[in-house]
């Protein structure tokens, strides 16, 4: 059964899979032809999000700016708890998608 996650249960951290990979993810690169996409990133993303792309910390605090954007959207962001996946993995972690 899908339910909407109450605001007081919204996550405050993102899980970063890079902390658990056997080797680092290769750095982003521009295409061989055309304009640089990497140079455009700072104009499209909040700088805190760009810094998080290179971290190997397992849990990354969701920037306040992002949390505020979610709140200003005027509608809830549905998160559904993956209870069967939690049970199948035998994990005490609460997992959402």
PDB file of N, CA and C in Angstrom:
ATOM      1  N   UNK A   1       0.846  -1.180   0.000  1.00  0.00           N
ATOM      2  CA  UNK A   1       0.000   0.000   0.000  1.00  0.00           C
ATOM      3  C   UNK A   1       0.890   1.242   0.000  1.00  0.00           C
ATOM      4  N   UNK A   2       0.662   2.131  -0.919  1.00  0.00           N
ATOM      5  CA  UNK A   2       1.437   3.362  -1.021  1.00  0.00           C
ATOM      6  C   UNK A   2       0.808   4.448  -0.171  1.00  0.00           C
ATOM      7  N   UNK A   3       1.631   5.132   0.590  1.00  0.00           N
ATOM      8  CA  UNK A   3       1.173   6.262   1.384  1.00  0.00           C
ATOM      9  C   UNK A   3       2.135   7.419   1.180  1.00  0.00           C
ATOM     10  N   UNK A   4       1.655   8.611   1.453  1.00  0.00           N
ATOM     11  CA  UNK A   4       2.505   9.788   1.359  1.00  0.00           C
ATOM     12  C   UNK A   4       3.289   9.927   2.649  1.00  0.00           C
ATOM     13  N   UNK A   5       4.584  10.151   2.536  1.00  0.00           N
ATOM     14  CA  UNK A   5       5.448  10.305   3.693  1.00  0.00           C
ATOM     15  C   UNK A   5       5.165  11.637   4.371  1.00  0.00           C
ATOM     16  N   UNK A   6       4.866  11.633   5.676  1.00  0.00           N
ATOM     17  CA  UNK A   6       4.623  12.900   6.375  1.00  0.00           C
ATOM     18  C   UNK A   6       5.877  13.779   6.361  1.00  0.00           C
ATOM     19  N   UNK A   7       5.696  15.106   6.369  1.00  0.00           N
ATOM     20  CA  UNK A   7       6.851  16.009   6.301  1.00  0.00           C
ATOM     21  C   UNK A   7       7.873  15.783   7.410  1.00  0.00           C
ATOM     22  N   UNK A   8       7.422  15.408   8.605  1.00  0.00           N
ATOM     23  CA  UNK A   8       8.381  15.212   9.697  1.00  0.00           C
ATOM     24  C   UNK A   8       9.205  13.931   9.536  1.00  0.00           C
ATOM     25  N   UNK A   9       8.858  13.090   8.562  1.00  0.00           N
ATOM     26  CA  UNK A   9       9.624  11.876   8.297  1.00  0.00           C
ATOM     27  C   UNK A   9      10.446  11.977   7.016  1.00  0.00           C
ATOM     28  N   UNK A  10      10.423  13.146   6.372  1.00  0.00           N
ATOM     29  CA  UNK A  10      11.198  13.318   5.146  1.00  0.00           C
ATOM     30  C   UNK A  10      12.681  13.144   5.462  1.00  0.00           C
ATOM     31  N   UNK A  11      13.409  12.500   4.572  1.00  0.00           N
ATOM     32  CA  UNK A  11      14.831  12.292   4.813  1.00  0.00           C
ATOM     33  C   UNK A  11      15.594  13.616   4.857  1.00  0.00           C
ATOM     34  N   UNK A  12      16.646  13.628   5.631  1.00  0.00           N
ATOM     35  CA  UNK A  12      17.508  14.801   5.730  1.00  0.00           C
ATOM     36  C   UNK A  12      18.867  14.535   5.088  1.00  0.00           C
ATOM     37  N   UNK A  13      19.084  13.280   4.682  1.00  0.00           N
ATOM     38  CA  UNK A  13      20.353  12.893   4.067  1.00  0.00           C
ATOM     39  C   UNK A  13      20.087  12.022   2.843  1.00  0.00           C
ATOM     40  N   UNK A  14      20.999  12.129   1.878  1.00  0.00           N
ATOM     41  CA  UNK A  14      20.997  11.243   0.730  1.00  0.00           C
ATOM     42  C   UNK A  14      22.037  10.168   0.975  1.00  0.00           C
ATOM     43  N   UNK A  15      21.750   8.966   0.510  1.00  0.00           N
ATOM     44  CA  UNK A  15      22.748   7.895   0.549  1.00  0.00           C
ATOM     45  C   UNK A  15      23.607   8.010  -0.698  1.00  0.00           C
ATOM     46  N   UNK A  16      24.907   7.949  -0.528  1.00  0.00           N
ATOM     47  CA  UNK A  16      25.851   8.078  -1.628  1.00  0.00           C
ATOM     48  C   UNK A  16      26.467   6.717  -1.917  1.00  0.00           C
ATOM     49  N   UNK A  17      26.082   6.114  -3.006  1.00  0.00           N
ATOM     50  CA  UNK A  17      26.562   4.778  -3.358  1.00  0.00           C
ATOM     51  C   UNK A  17      28.062   4.752  -3.622  1.00  0.00           C
ATOM     52  N   UNK A  18      28.659   5.890  -3.954  1.00  0.00           N
ATOM     53  CA  UNK A  18      30.091   5.929  -4.250  1.00  0.00           C
ATOM     54  C   UNK A  18      30.937   5.445  -3.078  1.00  0.00           C
ATOM     55  N   UNK A  19      30.426   5.608  -1.849  1.00  0.00           N
ATOM     56  CA  UNK A  19      31.176   5.166  -0.678  1.00  0.00           C
ATOM     57  C   UNK A  19      31.323   3.654  -0.642  1.00  0.00           C
ATOM     58  N   UNK A  20      30.458   2.925  -1.314  1.00  0.00           N
ATOM     59  CA  UNK A  20      30.469   1.467  -1.264  1.00  0.00           C
ATOM     60  C   UNK A  20      30.897   0.804  -2.570  1.00  0.00           C
ATOM     61  N   UNK A  21      31.314   1.577  -3.548  1.00  0.00           N
ATOM     62  CA  UNK A  21      31.762   1.000  -4.814  1.00  0.00           C
ATOM     63  C   UNK A  21      33.193   0.480  -4.683  1.00  0.00           C
ATOM     64  N   UNK A  22      33.548  -0.582  -5.413  1.00  0.00           N
ATOM     65  CA  UNK A  22      34.900  -1.132  -5.308  1.00  0.00           C
ATOM     66  C   UNK A  22      35.976  -0.216  -5.889  1.00  0.00           C
ATOM     67  N   UNK A  23      35.591   0.665  -6.804  1.00  0.00           N
ATOM     68  CA  UNK A  23      36.544   1.629  -7.365  1.00  0.00           C
ATOM     69  C   UNK A  23      35.804   2.929  -7.653  1.00  0.00           C
ATOM     70  N   UNK A  24      36.518   4.050  -7.700  1.00  0.00           N
ATOM     71  CA  UNK A  24      35.851   5.340  -7.914  1.00  0.00           C
ATOM     72  C   UNK A  24      35.162   5.428  -9.274  1.00  0.00           C
ATOM     73  N   UNK A  25      34.115   6.231  -9.309  1.00  0.00           N
ATOM     74  CA  UNK A  25      33.420   6.522 -10.562  1.00  0.00           C
ATOM     75  C   UNK A  25      34.318   7.450 -11.375  1.00  0.00           C
ATOM     76  N   UNK A  26      34.460   7.202 -12.680  1.00  0.00           N
ATOM     77  CA  UNK A  26      35.307   8.102 -13.476  1.00  0.00           C
ATOM     78  C   UNK A  26      34.734   9.522 -13.487  1.00  0.00           C
ATOM     79  N   UNK A  27      35.582  10.519 -13.571  1.00  0.00           N
ATOM     80  CA  UNK A  27      35.095  11.897 -13.579  1.00  0.00           C
ATOM     81  C   UNK A  27      34.291  12.187 -14.840  1.00  0.00           C
ATOM     82  N   UNK A  28      33.371  13.142 -14.768  1.00  0.00           N
ATOM     83  CA  UNK A  28      32.599  13.495 -15.962  1.00  0.00           C
ATOM     84  C   UNK A  28      33.514  14.110 -17.020  1.00  0.00           C
ATOM     85  N   UNK A  29      33.130  13.949 -18.267  1.00  0.00           N
ATOM     86  CA  UNK A  29      33.913  14.562 -19.336  1.00  0.00           C
ATOM     87  C   UNK A  29      32.980  15.101 -20.400  1.00  0.00           C
ATOM     88  N   UNK A  30      33.459  16.055 -21.125  1.00  0.00           N
ATOM     89  CA  UNK A  30      32.686  16.667 -22.204  1.00  0.00           C
ATOM     90  C   UNK A  30      32.691  15.772 -23.430  1.00  0.00           C
ATOM     91  N   UNK A  31      31.664  15.928 -24.292  1.00  0.00           N
ATOM     92  CA  UNK A  31      31.686  15.181 -25.552  1.00  0.00           C
ATOM     93  C   UNK A  31      32.818  15.689 -26.442  1.00  0.00           C
ATOM     94  N   UNK A  32      33.229  14.859 -27.391  1.00  0.00           N
ATOM     95  CA  UNK A  32      34.312  15.255 -28.308  1.00  0.00           C
ATOM     96  C   UNK A  32      33.920  16.446 -29.171  1.00  0.00           C
ATOM     97  N   UNK A  33      32.633  16.532 -29.537  1.00  0.00           N
ATOM     98  CA  UNK A  33      32.153  17.623 -30.385  1.00  0.00           C
ATOM     99  C   UNK A  33      31.120  18.448 -29.633  1.00  0.00           C
ATOM    100  N   UNK A  34      31.038  19.721 -29.959  1.00  0.00           N
ATOM    101  CA  UNK A  34      30.006  20.572 -29.379  1.00  0.00           C
ATOM    102  C   UNK A  34      30.484  21.343 -28.163  1.00  0.00           C
ATOM    103  N   UNK A  35      29.576  22.132 -27.602  1.00  0.00           N
ATOM    104  CA  UNK A  35      29.942  22.976 -26.467  1.00  0.00           C
ATOM    105  C   UNK A  35      30.168  22.159 -25.192  1.00  0.00           C
ATOM    106  N   UNK A  36      30.885  22.768 -24.267  1.00  0.00           N
ATOM    107  CA  UNK A  36      31.182  22.120 -22.995  1.00  0.00           C
ATOM    108  C   UNK A  36      29.929  22.049 -22.133  1.00  0.00           C
ATOM    109  N   UNK A  37      29.581  20.861 -21.721  1.00  0.00           N
ATOM    110  CA  UNK A  37      28.460  20.692 -20.796  1.00  0.00           C
ATOM    111  C   UNK A  37      28.917  20.925 -19.364  1.00  0.00           C
ATOM    112  N   UNK A  38      30.166  20.630 -19.081  1.00  0.00           N
ATOM    113  CA  UNK A  38      30.686  20.794 -17.723  1.00  0.00           C
ATOM    114  C   UNK A  38      30.703  22.265 -17.294  1.00  0.00           C
ATOM    115  N   UNK A  39      31.017  23.150 -18.239  1.00  0.00           N
ATOM    116  CA  UNK A  39      31.038  24.574 -17.920  1.00  0.00           C
ATOM    117  C   UNK A  39      29.644  25.103 -17.616  1.00  0.00           C
ATOM    118  N   UNK A  40      28.615  24.457 -18.150  1.00  0.00           N
ATOM    119  CA  UNK A  40      27.234  24.908 -17.941  1.00  0.00           C
ATOM    120  C   UNK A  40      26.660  24.417 -16.607  1.00  0.00           C
ATOM    121  N   UNK A  41      27.267  23.419 -16.007  1.00  0.00           N
ATOM    122  CA  UNK A  41      26.701  22.853 -14.777  1.00  0.00           C
ATOM    123  C   UNK A  41      26.477  23.868 -13.644  1.00  0.00           C
ATOM    124  N   UNK A  42      27.436  24.753 -13.359  1.00  0.00           N
ATOM    125  CA  UNK A  42      27.201  25.701 -12.259  1.00  0.00           C
ATOM    126  C   UNK A  42      25.985  26.599 -12.472  1.00  0.00           C
ATOM    127  N   UNK A  43      25.598  26.810 -13.727  1.00  0.00           N
ATOM    128  CA  UNK A  43      24.423  27.629 -14.010  1.00  0.00           C
ATOM    129  C   UNK A  43      23.128  26.855 -13.793  1.00  0.00           C
ATOM    130  N   UNK A  44      23.209  25.532 -13.861  1.00  0.00           N
ATOM    131  CA  UNK A  44      22.008  24.698 -13.775  1.00  0.00           C
ATOM    132  C   UNK A  44      21.788  24.087 -12.399  1.00  0.00           C
ATOM    133  N   UNK A  45      22.844  23.915 -11.621  1.00  0.00           N
ATOM    134  CA  UNK A  45      22.729  23.225 -10.341  1.00  0.00           C
ATOM    135  C   UNK A  45      23.170  24.106  -9.184  1.00  0.00           C
ATOM    136  N   UNK A  46      22.616  23.848  -8.029  1.00  0.00           N
ATOM    137  CA  UNK A  46      23.060  24.522  -6.805  1.00  0.00           C
ATOM    138  C   UNK A  46      24.476  24.044  -6.513  1.00  0.00           C
ATOM    139  N   UNK A  47      25.358  24.966  -6.170  1.00  0.00           N
ATOM    140  CA  UNK A  47      26.770  24.627  -6.008  1.00  0.00           C
ATOM    141  C   UNK A  47      26.991  23.525  -4.980  1.00  0.00           C
ATOM    142  N   UNK A  48      26.187  23.466  -3.943  1.00  0.00           N
ATOM    143  CA  UNK A  48      26.329  22.416  -2.931  1.00  0.00           C
ATOM    144  C   UNK A  48      26.122  21.033  -3.553  1.00  0.00           C
ATOM    145  N   UNK A  49      25.205  20.942  -4.490  1.00  0.00           N
ATOM    146  CA  UNK A  49      24.960  19.667  -5.172  1.00  0.00           C
ATOM    147  C   UNK A  49      26.158  19.267  -6.014  1.00  0.00           C
ATOM    148  N   UNK A  50      26.809  20.235  -6.648  1.00  0.00           N
ATOM    149  CA  UNK A  50      27.996  19.926  -7.441  1.00  0.00           C
ATOM    150  C   UNK A  50      29.120  19.396  -6.562  1.00  0.00           C
ATOM    151  N   UNK A  51      29.310  19.968  -5.387  1.00  0.00           N
ATOM    152  CA  UNK A  51      30.356  19.495  -4.476  1.00  0.00           C
ATOM    153  C   UNK A  51      30.082  18.058  -4.036  1.00  0.00           C
ATOM    154  N   UNK A  52      28.825  17.702  -3.904  1.00  0.00           N
ATOM    155  CA  UNK A  52      28.472  16.364  -3.445  1.00  0.00           C
ATOM    156  C   UNK A  52      28.787  15.300  -4.481  1.00  0.00           C
ATOM    157  N   UNK A  53      28.876  15.686  -5.735  1.00  0.00           N
ATOM    158  CA  UNK A  53      29.151  14.712  -6.787  1.00  0.00           C
ATOM    159  C   UNK A  53      30.494  14.029  -6.605  1.00  0.00           C
ATOM    160  N   UNK A  54      31.440  14.682  -5.959  1.00  0.00           N
ATOM    161  CA  UNK A  54      32.777  14.113  -5.835  1.00  0.00           C
ATOM    162  C   UNK A  54      33.068  13.547  -4.453  1.00  0.00           C
ATOM    163  N   UNK A  55      32.128  13.617  -3.544  1.00  0.00           N
ATOM    164  CA  UNK A  55      32.388  13.125  -2.196  1.00  0.00           C
ATOM    165  C   UNK A  55      32.280  11.612  -2.122  1.00  0.00           C
ATOM    166  N   UNK A  56      32.984  11.034  -1.181  1.00  0.00           N
ATOM    167  CA  UNK A  56      32.865   9.599  -0.931  1.00  0.00           C
ATOM    168  C   UNK A  56      32.211   9.346   0.424  1.00  0.00           C
ATOM    169  N   UNK A  57      31.649  10.385   1.027  1.00  0.00           N
ATOM    170  CA  UNK A  57      30.909  10.195   2.280  1.00  0.00           C
ATOM    171  C   UNK A  57      29.677   9.346   1.993  1.00  0.00           C
ATOM    172  N   UNK A  58      29.365   8.444   2.914  1.00  0.00           N
ATOM    173  CA  UNK A  58      28.226   7.542   2.709  1.00  0.00           C
ATOM    174  C   UNK A  58      26.894   8.283   2.825  1.00  0.00           C
ATOM    175  N   UNK A  59      26.777   9.191   3.751  1.00  0.00           N
ATOM    176  CA  UNK A  59      25.537   9.954   3.948  1.00  0.00           C
ATOM    177  C   UNK A  59      25.833  11.421   3.750  1.00  0.00           C
ATOM    178  N   UNK A  60      25.073  12.053   2.858  1.00  0.00           N
ATOM    179  CA  UNK A  60      25.277  13.455   2.508  1.00  0.00           C
ATOM    180  C   UNK A  60      24.041  14.242   2.928  1.00  0.00           C
ATOM    181  N   UNK A  61      24.254  15.289   3.690  1.00  0.00           N
ATOM    182  CA  UNK A  61      23.146  16.128   4.126  1.00  0.00           C
ATOM    183  C   UNK A  61      22.479  16.786   2.921  1.00  0.00           C
ATOM    184  N   UNK A  62      21.163  16.699   2.860  1.00  0.00           N
ATOM    185  CA  UNK A  62      20.427  17.362   1.780  1.00  0.00           C
ATOM    186  C   UNK A  62      20.517  18.867   2.022  1.00  0.00           C
ATOM    187  N   UNK A  63      20.995  19.641   1.053  1.00  0.00           N
ATOM    188  CA  UNK A  63      21.141  21.084   1.253  1.00  0.00           C
ATOM    189  C   UNK A  63      19.807  21.747   1.598  1.00  0.00           C
ATOM    190  N   UNK A  64      19.877  22.729   2.458  1.00  0.00           N
ATOM    191  CA  UNK A  64      18.680  23.461   2.885  1.00  0.00           C
ATOM    192  C   UNK A  64      17.933  24.039   1.689  1.00  0.00           C
ATOM    193  N   UNK A  65      18.701  24.512   0.685  1.00  0.00           N
ATOM    194  CA  UNK A  65      18.065  25.075  -0.507  1.00  0.00           C
ATOM    195  C   UNK A  65      17.157  24.052  -1.196  1.00  0.00           C
ATOM    196  N   UNK A  66      17.586  22.795  -1.228  1.00  0.00           N
ATOM    197  CA  UNK A  66      16.794  21.744  -1.856  1.00  0.00           C
ATOM    198  C   UNK A  66      15.548  21.459  -1.029  1.00  0.00           C
ATOM    199  N   UNK A  67      15.719  21.356   0.285  1.00  0.00           N
ATOM    200  CA  UNK A  67      14.567  21.127   1.160  1.00  0.00           C
ATOM    201  C   UNK A  67      13.552  22.257   1.016  1.00  0.00           C
ATOM    202  N   UNK A  68      14.034  23.497   0.894  1.00  0.00           N
ATOM    203  CA  UNK A  68      13.132  24.635   0.707  1.00  0.00           C
ATOM    204  C   UNK A  68      12.405  24.554  -0.640  1.00  0.00           C
ATOM    205  N   UNK A  69      13.119  24.117  -1.671  1.00  0.00           N
ATOM    206  CA  UNK A  69      12.477  23.970  -2.977  1.00  0.00           C
ATOM    207  C   UNK A  69      11.361  22.924  -2.919  1.00  0.00           C
ATOM    208  N   UNK A  70      11.608  21.830  -2.226  1.00  0.00           N
ATOM    209  CA  UNK A  70      10.563  20.825  -2.054  1.00  0.00           C
ATOM    210  C   UNK A  70       9.349  21.421  -1.350  1.00  0.00           C
ATOM    211  N   UNK A  71       9.593  22.212  -0.300  1.00  0.00           N
ATOM    212  CA  UNK A  71       8.494  22.809   0.456  1.00  0.00           C
ATOM    213  C   UNK A  71       7.727  23.842  -0.384  1.00  0.00           C
ATOM    214  N   UNK A  72       8.426  24.576  -1.240  1.00  0.00           N
ATOM    215  CA  UNK A  72       7.788  25.611  -2.054  1.00  0.00           C
ATOM    216  C   UNK A  72       7.019  25.040  -3.239  1.00  0.00           C
ATOM    217  N   UNK A  73       7.244  23.788  -3.554  1.00  0.00           N
ATOM    218  CA  UNK A  73       6.611  23.204  -4.735  1.00  0.00           C
ATOM    219  C   UNK A  73       5.094  23.156  -4.612  1.00  0.00           C
ATOM    220  N   UNK A  74       4.580  23.204  -3.394  1.00  0.00           N
ATOM    221  CA  UNK A  74       3.138  23.248  -3.201  1.00  0.00           C
ATOM    222  C   UNK A  74       2.448  21.905  -3.251  1.00  0.00           C
ATOM    223  N   UNK A  75       3.215  20.845  -3.377  1.00  0.00           N
ATOM    224  CA  UNK A  75       2.625  19.516  -3.347  1.00  0.00           C
ATOM    225  C   UNK A  75       3.671  18.566  -2.762  1.00  0.00           C
ATOM    226  N   UNK A  76       3.231  17.502  -2.142  1.00  0.00           N
ATOM    227  CA  UNK A  76       4.208  16.592  -1.536  1.00  0.00           C
ATOM    228  C   UNK A  76       4.983  15.814  -2.595  1.00  0.00           C
ATOM    229  N   UNK A  77       6.185  15.485  -2.272  1.00  0.00           N
ATOM    230  CA  UNK A  77       6.984  14.601  -3.101  1.00  0.00           C
ATOM    231  C   UNK A  77       6.737  13.199  -2.572  1.00  0.00           C
ATOM    232  N   UNK A  78       6.048  12.373  -3.329  1.00  0.00           N
ATOM    233  CA  UNK A  78       5.727  11.055  -2.790  1.00  0.00           C
ATOM    234  C   UNK A  78       6.962  10.178  -2.641  1.00  0.00           C
ATOM    235  N   UNK A  79       7.129   9.643  -1.459  1.00  0.00           N
ATOM    236  CA  UNK A  79       8.148   8.633  -1.201  1.00  0.00           C
ATOM    237  C   UNK A  79       7.408   7.402  -0.720  1.00  0.00           C
ATOM    238  N   UNK A  80       7.743   6.280  -1.284  1.00  0.00           N
ATOM    239  CA  UNK A  80       7.065   5.053  -0.926  1.00  0.00           C
ATOM    240  C   UNK A  80       8.066   4.150  -0.232  1.00  0.00           C
ATOM    241  N   UNK A  81       7.676   3.637   0.909  1.00  0.00           N
ATOM    242  CA  UNK A  81       8.562   2.769   1.673  1.00  0.00           C
ATOM    243  C   UNK A  81       8.632   1.407   0.995  1.00  0.00           C
ATOM    244  N   UNK A  82       9.827   0.905   0.812  1.00  0.00           N
ATOM    245  CA  UNK A  82      10.068  -0.379   0.148  1.00  0.00           C
ATOM    246  C   UNK A  82      10.153  -1.485   1.200  1.00  0.00           C
ATOM    247  N   UNK A  83       9.046  -1.751   1.856  1.00  0.00           N
ATOM    248  CA  UNK A  83       9.033  -2.720   2.959  1.00  0.00           C
ATOM    249  C   UNK A  83       9.419  -4.130   2.513  1.00  0.00           C
ATOM    250  N   UNK A  84       8.927  -4.566   1.357  1.00  0.00           N
ATOM    251  CA  UNK A  84       9.273  -5.923   0.901  1.00  0.00           C
ATOM    252  C   UNK A  84      10.756  -6.024   0.554  1.00  0.00           C
ATOM    253  N   UNK A  85      11.335  -4.953   0.003  1.00  0.00           N
ATOM    254  CA  UNK A  85      12.766  -4.954  -0.271  1.00  0.00           C
ATOM    255  C   UNK A  85      13.551  -4.993   1.042  1.00  0.00           C
ATOM    256  N   UNK A  86      13.123  -4.197   2.020  1.00  0.00           N
ATOM    257  CA  UNK A  86      13.778  -4.222   3.336  1.00  0.00           C
ATOM    258  C   UNK A  86      13.762  -5.637   3.909  1.00  0.00           C
ATOM    259  N   UNK A  87      12.589  -6.267   3.835  1.00  0.00           N
ATOM    260  CA  UNK A  87      12.447  -7.619   4.372  1.00  0.00           C
ATOM    261  C   UNK A  87      13.309  -8.607   3.584  1.00  0.00           C
ATOM    262  N   UNK A  88      13.284  -8.499   2.260  1.00  0.00           N
ATOM    263  CA  UNK A  88      14.077  -9.388   1.420  1.00  0.00           C
ATOM    264  C   UNK A  88      15.569  -9.271   1.664  1.00  0.00           C
ATOM    265  N   UNK A  89      16.019  -8.048   1.964  1.00  0.00           N
ATOM    266  CA  UNK A  89      17.436  -7.818   2.245  1.00  0.00           C
ATOM    267  C   UNK A  89      17.790  -8.114   3.691  1.00  0.00           C
ATOM    268  N   UNK A  90      16.764  -8.241   4.531  1.00  0.00           N
ATOM    269  CA  UNK A  90      17.018  -8.467   5.958  1.00  0.00           C
ATOM    270  C   UNK A  90      17.718  -7.289   6.604  1.00  0.00           C
ATOM    271  N   UNK A  91      17.383  -6.080   6.163  1.00  0.00           N
ATOM    272  CA  UNK A  91      18.048  -4.886   6.678  1.00  0.00           C
ATOM    273  C   UNK A  91      17.178  -4.153   7.684  1.00  0.00           C
ATOM    274  N   UNK A  92      17.787  -3.564   8.708  1.00  0.00           N
ATOM    275  CA  UNK A  92      17.012  -2.737   9.622  1.00  0.00           C
ATOM    276  C   UNK A  92      16.781  -1.328   9.054  1.00  0.00           C
ATOM    277  N   UNK A  93      17.408  -1.025   7.914  1.00  0.00           N
ATOM    278  CA  UNK A  93      17.288   0.304   7.315  1.00  0.00           C
ATOM    279  C   UNK A  93      15.882   0.491   6.752  1.00  0.00           C
ATOM    280  N   UNK A  94      15.413   1.722   6.810  1.00  0.00           N
ATOM    281  CA  UNK A  94      14.154   2.091   6.170  1.00  0.00           C
ATOM    282  C   UNK A  94      14.502   2.577   4.775  1.00  0.00           C
ATOM    283  N   UNK A  95      13.956   1.913   3.753  1.00  0.00           N
ATOM    284  CA  UNK A  95      14.267   2.252   2.367  1.00  0.00           C
ATOM    285  C   UNK A  95      13.038   2.818   1.674  1.00  0.00           C
ATOM    286  N   UNK A  96      13.261   3.873   0.891  1.00  0.00           N
ATOM    287  CA  UNK A  96      12.183   4.528   0.157  1.00  0.00           C
ATOM    288  C   UNK A  96      12.567   4.665  -1.299  1.00  0.00           C
ATOM    289  N   UNK A  97      11.558   4.764  -2.155  1.00  0.00           N
ATOM    290  CA  UNK A  97      11.786   5.062  -3.569  1.00  0.00           C
ATOM    291  C   UNK A  97      10.774   6.063  -4.023  1.00  0.00           C
TER     292      UNK A  97
END
